[in-house]
Amino acid sequence: MSYNFRITSTFIKKRKRLPKTIKKQIDKAMKELLCDPYSAGFELVGNLEGLWKKRVGKYRIIYEINEIEKVVIFHTVDLRKKIYRTLR
């Protein structure tokens, strides 16, 4: 079953700064997540519980799954070394 999606303003801003080749990879990963957000990513733990991550090379997509509305909410995307600092 396919999910709908929402994109936060943070995600849009961060995505704009990425190189073109990475943007294409991010877009491809987002399409995969809309088909099956559970098997394509990994659930985060601790104070990030409720959020999921998808690895795209050195980058991470952070998203949330709303099962009731069948919506994937894309929160942010950035380099792995930066992304967890901004989420804490």
Protein backbone atom coordinates (compact mmCIF):
# COMPACT_ATOMS: atom_id res chain seq x y z
CA MET A 1 0.00 0.00 0.00
CA SER A 2 1.30 3.44 -0.90
CA TYR A 3 1.46 6.31 1.58
CA ASN A 4 0.92 10.02 1.04
CA PHE A 5 3.56 12.47 2.23
CA ARG A 6 4.13 15.81 3.90
CA ILE A 7 7.36 17.77 3.81
CA THR A 8 8.41 20.22 6.53
CA SER A 9 9.94 23.60 5.76
CA THR A 10 13.18 22.39 7.38
CA PHE A 11 13.36 19.47 4.95
CA ILE A 12 12.80 21.81 1.98
CA LYS A 13 15.56 24.21 3.14
CA LYS A 14 18.06 21.42 3.79
CA ARG A 15 17.29 19.66 0.50
CA LYS A 16 17.85 22.87 -1.50
CA ARG A 17 21.46 23.02 -0.24
CA LEU A 18 22.34 19.52 -1.41
CA PRO A 19 24.30 18.73 -4.60
CA LYS A 20 22.18 17.66 -7.60
CA THR A 21 23.38 14.07 -7.53
CA ILE A 22 22.45 13.72 -3.86
CA LYS A 23 19.04 15.32 -4.48
CA LYS A 24 18.30 12.61 -7.06
CA GLN A 25 19.30 9.89 -4.60
CA ILE A 26 17.18 11.50 -1.86
CA ASP A 27 14.16 11.67 -4.20
CA LYS A 28 14.59 8.00 -5.10
CA ALA A 29 14.80 7.05 -1.42
CA MET A 30 11.67 9.09 -0.65
CA LYS A 31 9.75 7.14 -3.31
CA GLU A 32 10.89 3.88 -1.71
CA LEU A 33 9.70 5.11 1.67
CA LEU A 34 6.26 5.93 0.31
CA CYS A 35 5.86 2.33 -0.86
CA ASP A 36 6.96 0.77 2.44
CA PRO A 37 8.28 3.14 5.12
CA TYR A 38 8.85 0.35 7.65
CA SER A 39 11.17 -1.92 5.68
CA ALA A 40 13.06 0.87 3.90
CA GLY A 41 14.23 2.62 7.09
CA PHE A 42 15.09 2.09 10.74
CA GLU A 43 13.29 3.30 13.85
CA LEU A 44 15.20 5.67 16.12
CA VAL A 45 15.36 5.22 19.89
CA GLY A 46 15.76 7.31 23.03
CA ASN A 47 14.67 10.93 22.82
CA LEU A 48 14.16 10.46 19.05
CA GLU A 49 11.58 7.70 19.54
CA GLY A 50 8.77 7.93 17.00
CA LEU A 51 11.12 9.06 14.24
CA TRP A 52 12.69 6.90 11.55
CA LYS A 53 15.86 7.23 9.46
CA LYS A 54 16.77 6.24 5.93
CA ARG A 55 20.44 6.08 4.95
CA VAL A 56 21.39 7.60 1.60
CA GLY A 57 25.18 7.39 1.37
CA LYS A 58 26.61 9.82 3.93
CA TYR A 59 23.21 11.48 4.32
CA ARG A 60 20.20 10.61 6.47
CA ILE A 61 16.52 11.31 5.88
CA ILE A 62 14.60 11.70 9.13
CA TYR A 63 10.90 10.97 8.86
CA GLU A 64 7.80 10.04 10.83
CA ILE A 65 5.07 7.56 9.96
CA ASN A 66 1.42 8.41 10.68
CA GLU A 67 -0.25 5.04 10.26
CA ILE A 68 -3.79 6.35 10.91
CA GLU A 69 -3.63 8.84 8.02
CA LYS A 70 -1.21 6.70 5.95
CA VAL A 71 1.21 9.64 5.72
CA VAL A 72 5.00 9.81 5.80
CA ILE A 73 6.20 13.15 7.18
CA PHE A 74 9.71 14.11 6.04
CA HIS A 75 11.31 16.22 8.79
CA THR A 76 14.91 16.84 7.71
CA VAL A 77 17.84 15.61 5.62
CA ASP A 78 21.54 16.22 6.22
CA LEU A 79 24.95 14.60 6.61
CA ARG A 80 25.02 11.88 9.25
CA LYS A 81 27.64 13.71 11.31
CA LYS A 82 25.41 16.83 11.52
CA ILE A 83 21.86 15.52 11.63
CA TYR A 84 21.75 13.99 15.09
CA ARG A 85 23.23 17.14 16.68
CA THR A 86 20.36 19.23 15.31
CA LEU A 87 17.68 16.77 16.45
CA ARG A 88 18.69 16.58 20.12
